[in-house]
Amino acid sequence: MAKAKTNYTCSDCGAISNKWMGQCTSCNQWNTMVETVADAAPGNNRYSNPQHMSLAQTAPVLSLDDIEAIDVPRFGTGIEEFDRVLGGGMVAGGVVLIGGDPGIGKSTLLLQALANMSHHKRVLYVSGEESGAQIALRAKRLVIDAKELKLQAEIQLEKILATLNDLKPEVVVIDSIQTVYSDALSSAPGSVAQVRECAAQLTRAAKQTGVTIILVGHVTKEGALAGPRVLEHIVDTVLYFEGDAHSSFRLVRAIKNRFGAVNELGVFAMTEKGLKGVSNPSALFLSQHDNQVPGSCVMVTQEGTRPLLVEIQALVDTSHLPNARRLSVGLEQNRLAMLLAVAHRHAGIAAFDQDVFINAVGGVKITEPAADLAVLLAINSSMRNKPLPRGLVVFGEVGLAGEIRPAPRGQERLREAAKLGFTLAMIPKSNLPKQAIEGIKVIAVERIDEAFNKLRDHE
């Protein structure tokens, strides 16, 4: 029997090479070339397969002014926090990819959402990892009404597409895309070629019939979605589950959304009856101290359209190593080193012989630079062993020249802080509101040394 012809496909960008290479020549990533079976049969060529022919004739060239802009109609999932991350709800014909660590709650959340939608939509749950009995046991444990929820345990793509054609559901969950395989390809399920081809065909079916498809994706050890990066380009929306599997709280973040805003955040609590939305997530990220403690500073971060109050904690201790340690949890570690250099150069605060540890309470990850001022104030508070004033909230970006730059949506952040009972705010001067916000006093600063001096006046 003739040996099957193989080639090498990059698991990051999908590039194909005839020989193995340590570094992909397309995306320059290392150790991403995976051996796959080449499908040389003419009938398996995606361009000769009738299934891959165009849906319609070539569209005419139009002026952008002649095209009517129509809002996309949405329908809810019955879970408010999930709808928020999706941009207001599901879209007919949309394809959503949701990824996260094993056991974090992806299948639980989607089972709850499908059960809610089954009362007014035709829904289908396609399971490739669990049997029907296992899913029924989970539904019983979650105490959800799943009488109208249809279930299919199948991993062959052609049978799944035939089921979609027969039942004509309006919402479908594929759990997970790495288990699905197509007979048109000879490679194993979960390979780069299978994942890419199955996702493309399911997306085509969604656009052609108007069914909403939710794909569950595995993640790598680094936390990225497993499979080729083209998988993220194919779908309309990419969601990530965040949070520690041993904690009761989960965060769902939108990384890409063609029908809504990105960086939206949904906050859930894992209970005995499944995932429940958290109405006041700021309470999760604030520690409850009877008295003010050194090294603690509260900041207002913006996650999409939602302002969140997060406590930044700093611990500065004398280092007993030749190189002092710099550890950051929830914030970028390289930025911490930069901020320490700025504090030394422009405010005279030296930490070269101190171990510095930074933590964002509650497991939240803060990516925006508006956390800079809060980090430096928390570090200064820990070094001096003096707590910051009670009721203080902070935000602002710190530049390399020591200036404090404005943060977007400053007034929304201040209103959220005032609503939660904070009475004092230190913000960039450019964010100073034209009209005073009731219940909160504002300290506007332009430079980092000015911020430290004004805080000493309020001690």
Protein backbone atom coordinates (compact mmCIF):
# COMPACT_ATOMS: atom_id res chain seq x y z
CA MET A 1 0.00 0.00 0.00
CA ALA A 2 1.37 3.37 -1.02
CA LYS A 3 2.34 5.67 1.80
CA ALA A 4 0.04 8.68 2.18
CA LYS A 5 1.59 11.95 1.16
CA THR A 6 2.11 14.34 4.06
CA ASN A 7 2.92 18.01 4.43
CA TYR A 8 3.43 20.36 7.36
CA THR A 9 0.89 22.96 8.45
CA CYS A 10 1.47 25.84 10.87
CA SER A 11 -0.90 25.58 13.84
CA ASP A 12 -0.85 29.37 14.27
CA CYS A 13 -1.44 30.79 10.79
CA GLY A 14 -2.30 27.69 8.71
CA ALA A 15 0.60 28.05 6.28
CA ILE A 16 1.57 24.83 4.45
CA SER A 17 5.12 23.60 3.77
CA ASN A 18 6.47 20.49 2.04
CA LYS A 19 9.12 19.98 4.74
CA TRP A 20 9.38 20.51 8.45
CA MET A 21 10.89 23.77 9.68
CA GLY A 22 11.59 24.95 13.19
CA GLN A 23 10.19 28.40 12.39
CA CYS A 24 7.16 29.16 10.24
CA THR A 25 8.15 31.44 7.35
CA SER A 26 4.72 33.15 7.31
CA CYS A 27 4.13 34.14 10.94
CA ASN A 28 7.71 33.58 12.27
CA GLN A 29 6.46 31.44 15.19
CA TRP A 30 8.66 28.63 16.46
CA ASN A 31 7.72 24.94 16.76
CA THR A 32 4.27 25.35 15.19
CA MET A 33 4.71 23.09 12.11
CA VAL A 34 2.53 19.98 12.47
CA GLU A 35 2.60 17.01 10.10
CA THR A 36 -0.74 16.46 8.34
CA VAL A 37 -1.92 14.13 5.61
CA ALA A 38 -2.16 15.84 2.23
CA ASP A 39 -5.48 15.26 0.46
CA ALA A 40 -4.38 14.82 -3.12
CA ALA A 41 -7.56 13.22 -4.49
CA PRO A 42 -9.27 15.48 -7.04
CA GLY A 43 -12.66 15.04 -5.38
CA ASN A 44 -11.25 16.31 -2.12
CA ASN A 45 -9.96 19.55 -3.55
CA ARG A 46 -11.90 22.34 -1.87
CA TYR A 47 -12.06 24.29 -5.11
CA SER A 48 -13.45 21.39 -7.13
CA ASN A 49 -15.91 20.27 -4.45
CA PRO A 50 -19.44 21.50 -5.25
CA GLN A 51 -19.97 22.20 -1.55
CA HIS A 52 -17.43 25.01 -1.76
CA MET A 53 -18.98 26.78 -4.74
CA SER A 54 -20.12 30.36 -4.26
CA LEU A 55 -23.47 30.94 -2.60
CA ALA A 56 -24.51 33.55 -5.17
CA GLN A 57 -23.46 35.25 -8.36
CA THR A 58 -20.73 37.87 -8.30
CA ALA A 59 -22.03 40.92 -6.45
CA PRO A 60 -22.08 44.23 -8.36
CA VAL A 61 -19.79 47.09 -7.39
CA LEU A 62 -21.76 49.73 -5.45
CA SER A 63 -21.02 53.07 -3.89
CA LEU A 64 -20.95 52.97 -0.10
CA ASP A 65 -23.53 55.79 0.00
CA ASP A 66 -25.98 53.63 -1.98
CA ILE A 67 -25.87 50.80 0.58
CA GLU A 68 -28.46 51.05 3.33
CA ALA A 69 -27.09 50.56 6.84
CA ILE A 70 -29.48 48.27 8.73
CA ASP A 71 -29.16 47.36 12.39
CA VAL A 72 -28.79 43.63 12.95
CA PRO A 73 -31.78 42.18 14.89
CA ARG A 74 -30.81 40.28 18.04
CA PHE A 75 -32.44 37.82 20.39
CA GLY A 76 -31.54 37.25 24.03
CA THR A 77 -30.11 34.13 25.64
CA GLY A 78 -31.97 34.59 28.93
CA ILE A 79 -28.65 35.32 30.69
CA GLU A 80 -28.09 39.08 30.99
CA GLU A 81 -24.32 38.96 31.49
CA PHE A 82 -23.91 36.65 28.48
CA ASP A 83 -25.99 39.01 26.34
CA ARG A 84 -23.79 41.91 27.43
CA VAL A 85 -20.62 40.17 26.22
CA LEU A 86 -22.30 39.28 22.91
CA GLY A 87 -23.14 42.95 22.36
CA GLY A 88 -26.84 42.70 23.22
CA GLY A 89 -27.70 39.14 22.24
CA MET A 90 -27.34 36.53 19.51
CA VAL A 91 -27.47 37.38 15.80
CA ALA A 92 -29.16 35.14 13.22
CA GLY A 93 -26.48 33.61 11.00
CA GLY A 94 -23.71 34.58 13.43
CA VAL A 95 -20.91 32.21 14.45
CA VAL A 96 -19.52 32.47 17.99
CA LEU A 97 -16.32 30.79 19.16
CA ILE A 98 -15.92 30.40 22.94
CA GLY A 99 -12.73 29.10 24.52
CA GLY A 100 -11.46 28.46 28.02
CA ASP A 101 -9.64 26.05 30.29
CA PRO A 102 -11.15 22.59 30.88
CA GLY A 103 -13.77 22.57 33.63
CA ILE A 104 -14.17 26.33 33.79
CA GLY A 105 -17.86 26.26 32.83
CA LYS A 106 -18.21 26.62 29.04
CA SER A 107 -20.58 23.67 28.59
CA THR A 108 -22.56 24.62 31.71
CA LEU A 109 -23.13 28.19 30.51
CA LEU A 110 -24.15 27.10 27.01
CA LEU A 111 -26.50 24.40 28.34
CA GLN A 112 -28.21 27.01 30.51
CA ALA A 113 -28.47 29.45 27.59
CA LEU A 114 -29.91 26.80 25.24
CA ALA A 115 -32.44 25.73 27.86
CA ASN A 116 -33.60 29.35 28.19
CA MET A 117 -33.84 29.85 24.42
CA SER A 118 -35.60 26.51 23.86
CA HIS A 119 -38.89 28.02 25.05
CA HIS A 120 -39.08 30.33 22.03
CA LYS A 121 -36.42 29.00 19.60
CA ARG A 122 -35.58 25.66 18.01
CA VAL A 123 -32.25 24.70 19.56
CA LEU A 124 -29.80 21.82 19.12
CA TYR A 125 -26.88 20.74 21.29
CA VAL A 126 -24.28 18.67 19.40
CA SER A 127 -21.92 16.94 21.81
CA GLY A 128 -18.69 15.36 20.65
CA GLU A 129 -17.10 14.92 24.08
CA GLU A 130 -19.92 13.72 26.34
CA SER A 131 -22.69 11.19 25.92
CA GLY A 132 -26.36 12.11 26.07
CA ALA A 133 -26.65 10.51 29.52
CA GLN A 134 -23.86 12.71 30.89
CA ILE A 135 -25.50 15.88 29.57
CA ALA A 136 -28.90 14.80 30.91
CA LEU A 137 -27.29 14.24 34.32
CA ARG A 138 -25.78 17.73 34.21
CA ALA A 139 -29.14 19.27 33.26
CA LYS A 140 -30.76 17.45 36.18
CA ARG A 141 -28.06 18.69 38.55
CA LEU A 142 -28.53 22.28 37.34
CA VAL A 143 -32.34 21.97 37.71
CA ILE A 144 -33.07 23.46 34.28
CA ASP A 145 -36.12 22.92 32.11
CA ALA A 146 -34.74 21.19 29.00
CA LYS A 147 -37.90 19.54 27.64
CA GLU A 148 -37.62 21.35 24.30
CA LEU A 149 -33.83 21.05 23.99
CA LYS A 150 -32.72 18.66 21.23
CA LEU A 151 -29.48 16.73 21.69
CA GLN A 152 -27.23 14.85 19.27
CA ALA A 153 -24.03 13.02 20.21
CA GLU A 154 -22.11 13.10 16.91
CA ILE A 155 -18.65 14.05 15.64
CA GLN A 156 -18.96 13.49 11.87
CA LEU A 157 -19.45 16.78 10.06
CA GLU A 158 -21.60 15.40 7.24
CA LYS A 159 -24.09 13.87 9.69
CA ILE A 160 -24.23 17.11 11.68
CA LEU A 161 -24.95 19.12 8.51
CA ALA A 162 -27.66 16.62 7.56
CA THR A 163 -29.26 17.06 10.98
CA LEU A 164 -29.20 20.84 10.55
CA ASN A 165 -30.89 20.42 7.18
CA ASP A 166 -33.62 18.14 8.61
CA LEU A 167 -34.41 19.82 11.94
CA LYS A 168 -33.72 23.40 10.77
CA PRO A 169 -32.77 24.65 14.27
CA GLU A 170 -32.29 28.35 14.97
CA VAL A 171 -29.44 27.99 17.49
CA VAL A 172 -26.81 25.20 17.51
CA VAL A 173 -23.95 24.49 19.93
CA ILE A 174 -21.00 22.38 18.72
CA ASP A 175 -19.09 21.06 21.74
CA SER A 176 -16.32 20.99 20.72
CA ILE A 177 -14.97 21.90 17.26
CA GLN A 178 -11.75 19.90 17.92
CA THR A 179 -13.72 16.63 18.04
CA VAL A 180 -15.53 17.12 14.71
CA TYR A 181 -14.10 15.53 11.57
CA SER A 182 -15.03 15.44 7.89
CA ASP A 183 -14.89 12.37 5.66
CA ALA A 184 -13.55 14.59 2.89
CA LEU A 185 -10.22 14.77 4.74
CA SER A 186 -8.08 11.82 5.73
CA SER A 187 -6.38 13.52 8.68
CA ALA A 188 -7.36 12.77 12.28
CA PRO A 189 -9.95 14.76 14.26
CA GLY A 190 -8.40 17.76 16.00
CA SER A 191 -5.72 18.24 13.34
CA VAL A 192 -5.16 21.67 11.84
CA ALA A 193 -6.77 20.73 8.53
CA GLN A 194 -9.85 19.16 10.15
CA VAL A 195 -10.48 22.04 12.56
CA ARG A 196 -10.09 24.63 9.83
CA GLU A 197 -12.25 22.80 7.28
CA CYS A 198 -15.03 21.86 9.72
CA ALA A 199 -15.23 25.41 11.06
CA ALA A 200 -15.37 26.79 7.53
CA GLN A 201 -18.20 24.45 6.50
CA LEU A 202 -20.22 25.15 9.64
CA THR A 203 -19.76 28.89 9.11
CA ARG A 204 -20.92 28.49 5.52
CA ALA A 205 -24.03 26.64 6.72
CA ALA A 206 -24.74 29.41 9.23
CA LYS A 207 -24.52 32.14 6.59
CA GLN A 208 -26.56 30.15 4.09
CA THR A 209 -29.44 29.12 6.38
CA GLY A 210 -29.40 31.86 9.04
CA VAL A 211 -28.80 29.46 11.94
CA THR A 212 -26.73 30.79 14.85
CA ILE A 213 -23.82 28.45 15.63
CA ILE A 214 -21.74 28.47 18.83
CA LEU A 215 -18.43 26.60 18.63
CA VAL A 216 -16.62 25.50 21.78
CA GLY A 217 -12.83 25.52 21.37
CA HIS A 218 -10.01 23.99 23.38
CA VAL A 219 -7.16 26.15 24.61
CA THR A 220 -3.41 25.54 24.74
CA LYS A 221 -1.21 25.66 27.83
CA GLU A 222 -0.54 29.33 27.10
CA GLY A 223 -4.29 30.06 27.18
CA ALA A 224 -4.74 30.67 23.43
CA LEU A 225 -7.33 28.85 21.35
CA ALA A 226 -5.98 25.56 20.04
CA GLY A 227 -5.87 25.05 16.29
CA PRO A 228 -4.97 27.48 13.51
CA ARG A 229 -5.34 31.21 14.10
CA VAL A 230 -7.48 31.34 10.96
CA LEU A 231 -10.22 29.83 13.15
CA GLU A 232 -10.57 33.20 14.88
CA HIS A 233 -10.75 34.98 11.52
CA ILE A 234 -13.50 32.72 10.20
CA VAL A 235 -16.00 33.30 13.02
CA ASP A 236 -17.87 36.52 13.87
CA THR A 237 -17.35 36.59 17.63
CA VAL A 238 -14.57 35.23 19.86
CA LEU A 239 -15.17 34.89 23.61
CA TYR A 240 -12.72 33.78 26.30
CA PHE A 241 -13.50 32.31 29.71
CA GLU A 242 -11.15 33.64 32.38
CA GLY A 243 -10.72 32.90 36.07
CA ASP A 244 -9.32 30.23 38.31
CA ALA A 245 -11.13 26.90 38.08
CA HIS A 246 -10.83 26.63 41.89
CA SER A 247 -12.56 29.99 42.41
CA SER A 248 -16.32 30.49 42.29
CA PHE A 249 -16.11 33.49 39.94
CA ARG A 250 -15.78 33.43 36.15
CA LEU A 251 -15.15 36.21 33.65
CA VAL A 252 -16.23 36.03 30.01
CA ARG A 253 -14.46 38.53 27.76
CA ALA A 254 -15.17 39.41 24.13
CA ILE A 255 -11.94 39.53 22.08
CA LYS A 256 -13.60 39.97 18.68
CA ASN A 257 -17.17 40.90 17.77
CA ARG A 258 -18.32 41.90 14.30
CA PHE A 259 -21.76 42.79 15.68
CA GLY A 260 -20.82 44.69 18.82
CA ALA A 261 -18.13 46.24 20.99
CA VAL A 262 -15.03 44.29 21.97
CA ASN A 263 -13.49 44.05 25.44
CA GLU A 264 -16.94 43.68 27.00
CA LEU A 265 -16.81 41.72 30.24
CA GLY A 266 -19.40 39.42 31.78
CA VAL A 267 -19.03 38.37 35.41
CA PHE A 268 -20.50 35.10 36.67
CA ALA A 269 -20.57 33.22 39.95
CA MET A 270 -20.49 29.42 39.89
CA THR A 271 -23.24 28.03 42.12
CA GLU A 272 -24.84 24.62 42.67
CA LYS A 273 -27.39 25.51 39.98
CA GLY A 274 -24.90 26.68 37.38
CA LEU A 275 -23.49 30.06 36.45
CA LYS A 276 -25.35 33.12 37.71
CA GLY A 277 -24.70 36.67 36.51
CA VAL A 278 -23.23 39.12 39.05
CA SER A 279 -25.15 42.42 39.09
CA ASN A 280 -22.49 44.40 41.01
CA PRO A 281 -19.12 42.99 39.93
CA SER A 282 -17.14 45.81 41.56
CA ALA A 283 -17.89 44.22 44.93
CA LEU A 284 -15.93 41.12 43.85
CA PHE A 285 -12.72 43.06 43.22
CA LEU A 286 -12.71 45.11 46.42
CA SER A 287 -11.39 43.64 49.66
CA GLN A 288 -13.30 44.33 52.84
CA HIS A 289 -10.91 45.95 55.33
CA ASP A 290 -12.11 47.12 58.75
CA ASN A 291 -9.31 49.68 58.72
CA GLN A 292 -7.24 51.15 55.91
CA VAL A 293 -4.12 49.07 55.22
CA PRO A 294 -0.83 50.13 53.60
CA GLY A 295 -0.24 49.09 49.99
CA SER A 296 -3.90 49.09 48.95
CA CYS A 297 -5.29 51.43 46.28
CA VAL A 298 -8.66 51.29 44.50
CA MET A 299 -8.81 52.17 40.80
CA VAL A 300 -11.59 52.44 38.23
CA THR A 301 -10.94 50.41 35.08
CA GLN A 302 -13.09 50.41 31.98
CA GLU A 303 -14.11 47.06 30.50
CA GLY A 304 -15.96 47.84 27.30
CA THR A 305 -18.93 49.99 28.34
CA ARG A 306 -18.73 48.96 32.00
CA PRO A 307 -16.62 50.79 34.63
CA LEU A 308 -15.29 48.43 37.31
CA LEU A 309 -13.67 49.25 40.62
CA VAL A 310 -10.66 47.03 41.30
CA GLU A 311 -8.34 46.99 44.27
CA ILE A 312 -4.63 47.07 43.47
CA GLN A 313 -2.43 45.66 46.23
CA ALA A 314 1.32 46.20 46.54
CA LEU A 315 3.85 44.64 48.87
CA VAL A 316 7.36 46.11 49.03
CA ASP A 317 9.94 44.27 51.12
CA THR A 318 13.71 44.33 51.50
CA SER A 319 15.34 42.01 48.99
CA HIS A 320 17.88 39.42 50.13
CA LEU A 321 18.85 38.46 46.58
CA PRO A 322 21.37 40.04 44.22
CA ASN A 323 18.53 40.90 41.84
CA ALA A 324 15.37 42.21 43.44
CA ARG A 325 12.21 40.40 42.38
CA ARG A 326 9.39 42.01 40.39
CA LEU A 327 6.17 39.99 40.38
CA SER A 328 2.86 41.16 38.93
CA VAL A 329 -0.44 39.23 38.98
CA GLY A 330 -3.24 40.61 36.83
CA LEU A 331 -1.10 43.42 35.40
CA GLU A 332 1.72 43.51 32.85
CA GLN A 333 5.05 42.72 34.47
CA ASN A 334 7.19 44.70 32.03
CA ARG A 335 5.09 47.79 32.74
CA LEU A 336 5.80 47.39 36.46
CA ALA A 337 9.54 47.66 35.83
CA MET A 338 8.96 50.77 33.72
CA LEU A 339 6.82 52.42 36.41
CA LEU A 340 9.46 51.78 39.08
CA ALA A 341 12.04 53.50 36.86
CA VAL A 342 9.70 56.48 36.36
CA ALA A 343 9.09 56.75 40.11
CA HIS A 344 12.84 56.74 40.77
CA ARG A 345 13.69 59.26 38.07
CA HIS A 346 10.86 61.77 38.60
CA ALA A 347 9.78 61.29 42.22
CA GLY A 348 12.95 60.12 43.95
CA ILE A 349 11.43 56.79 45.06
CA ALA A 350 14.15 54.12 44.84
CA ALA A 351 13.19 50.44 44.90
CA PHE A 352 16.29 48.84 43.37
CA ASP A 353 16.99 46.93 46.62
CA GLN A 354 13.33 46.05 47.28
CA ASP A 355 11.19 43.11 46.19
CA VAL A 356 7.98 44.49 44.65
CA PHE A 357 4.81 42.37 44.37
CA ILE A 358 1.64 43.65 42.68
CA ASN A 359 -1.77 41.95 42.65
CA ALA A 360 -5.16 42.82 41.16
CA VAL A 361 -7.76 41.48 43.62
CA GLY A 362 -10.34 38.99 42.38
CA GLY A 363 -8.35 37.44 39.52
CA VAL A 364 -9.25 40.19 37.05
CA LYS A 365 -6.70 41.01 34.33
CA ILE A 366 -6.14 44.73 33.71
CA THR A 367 -4.65 45.55 30.33
CA GLU A 368 -5.28 49.30 30.08
CA PRO A 369 -2.53 51.76 31.13
CA ALA A 370 -4.98 53.73 33.32
CA ALA A 371 -3.85 51.49 36.21
CA ASP A 372 -0.38 53.10 36.29
CA LEU A 373 -1.16 55.78 38.88
CA ALA A 374 -2.88 53.31 41.20
CA VAL A 375 0.11 50.93 41.01
CA LEU A 376 2.60 53.67 41.94
CA LEU A 377 0.44 54.99 44.80
CA ALA A 378 0.05 51.47 46.19
CA ILE A 379 3.83 50.89 45.97
CA ASN A 380 4.54 54.22 47.69
CA SER A 381 2.00 53.41 50.40
CA SER A 382 3.62 50.04 51.08
CA MET A 383 7.16 51.49 51.15
CA ARG A 384 6.14 54.18 53.66
CA ASN A 385 3.92 51.74 55.57
CA LYS A 386 1.14 54.36 55.57
CA PRO A 387 -2.35 53.69 54.22
CA LEU A 388 -3.92 55.90 51.59
CA PRO A 389 -6.82 58.18 52.60
CA ARG A 390 -10.14 56.42 53.21
CA GLY A 391 -12.57 56.57 50.30
CA LEU A 392 -9.87 57.30 47.70
CA VAL A 393 -10.21 56.10 44.11
CA VAL A 394 -7.58 56.60 41.39
CA PHE A 395 -7.02 56.28 37.65
CA GLY A 396 -4.51 57.69 35.16
CA GLU A 397 -1.69 56.68 32.81
CA VAL A 398 1.90 57.57 33.72
CA GLY A 399 4.30 58.53 30.93
CA LEU A 400 8.07 58.09 30.83
CA ALA A 401 8.54 61.82 31.41
CA GLY A 402 6.60 61.59 34.67
CA GLU A 403 3.43 63.18 33.28
CA ILE A 404 -0.02 61.77 34.07
CA ARG A 405 -2.04 61.23 30.92
CA PRO A 406 -5.85 61.17 30.69
CA ALA A 407 -7.93 58.00 30.57
CA PRO A 408 -10.98 57.57 28.31
CA ARG A 409 -14.50 57.98 29.76
CA GLY A 410 -13.28 59.72 32.87
CA GLN A 411 -16.68 61.05 33.95
CA GLU A 412 -18.27 57.60 33.74
CA ARG A 413 -15.54 56.26 36.01
CA LEU A 414 -16.10 59.03 38.54
CA ARG A 415 -19.87 58.51 38.58
CA GLU A 416 -19.41 54.78 39.20
CA ALA A 417 -17.02 55.51 42.10
CA ALA A 418 -19.42 58.06 43.61
CA LYS A 419 -22.30 55.59 43.31
CA LEU A 420 -20.34 53.03 45.37
CA GLY A 421 -19.59 55.52 48.14
CA PHE A 422 -16.09 56.80 47.33
CA THR A 423 -15.58 60.41 48.39
CA LEU A 424 -12.12 61.32 47.05
CA ALA A 425 -10.67 60.83 43.56
CA MET A 426 -7.20 61.51 42.18
CA ILE A 427 -7.36 61.81 38.40
CA PRO A 428 -5.38 63.36 35.52
CA LYS A 429 -5.98 67.09 35.11
CA SER A 430 -7.24 66.49 31.55
CA ASN A 431 -10.07 64.34 32.98
CA LEU A 432 -11.28 67.08 35.35
CA PRO A 433 -15.08 67.31 34.84
CA LYS A 434 -16.57 70.70 33.93
CA GLN A 435 -19.29 70.25 36.53
CA ALA A 436 -18.67 68.79 39.97
CA ILE A 437 -19.97 65.28 40.58
CA GLU A 438 -22.09 65.08 43.71
CA GLY A 439 -20.56 63.20 46.61
CA ILE A 440 -16.96 63.02 45.41
CA LYS A 441 -14.08 65.48 45.73
CA VAL A 442 -11.63 65.52 42.82
CA ILE A 443 -7.86 66.05 43.04
CA ALA A 444 -6.44 66.81 39.57
CA VAL A 445 -2.71 66.19 39.03
CA GLU A 446 -0.34 66.60 36.09
CA ARG A 447 2.85 64.88 37.29
CA ILE A 448 3.70 61.90 39.44
CA ASP A 449 5.67 63.91 42.05
CA GLU A 450 2.69 66.26 42.36
CA ALA A 451 0.42 63.28 43.03
CA PHE A 452 2.65 62.04 45.88
CA ASN A 453 2.85 65.52 47.45
CA LYS A 454 -0.91 66.09 47.33
CA LEU A 455 -1.59 62.73 48.92
CA ARG A 456 0.67 63.62 51.85
CA ASP A 457 -1.43 66.75 52.39
CA HIS A 458 -4.54 64.55 52.81
CA GLU A 459 -2.99 62.15 55.32
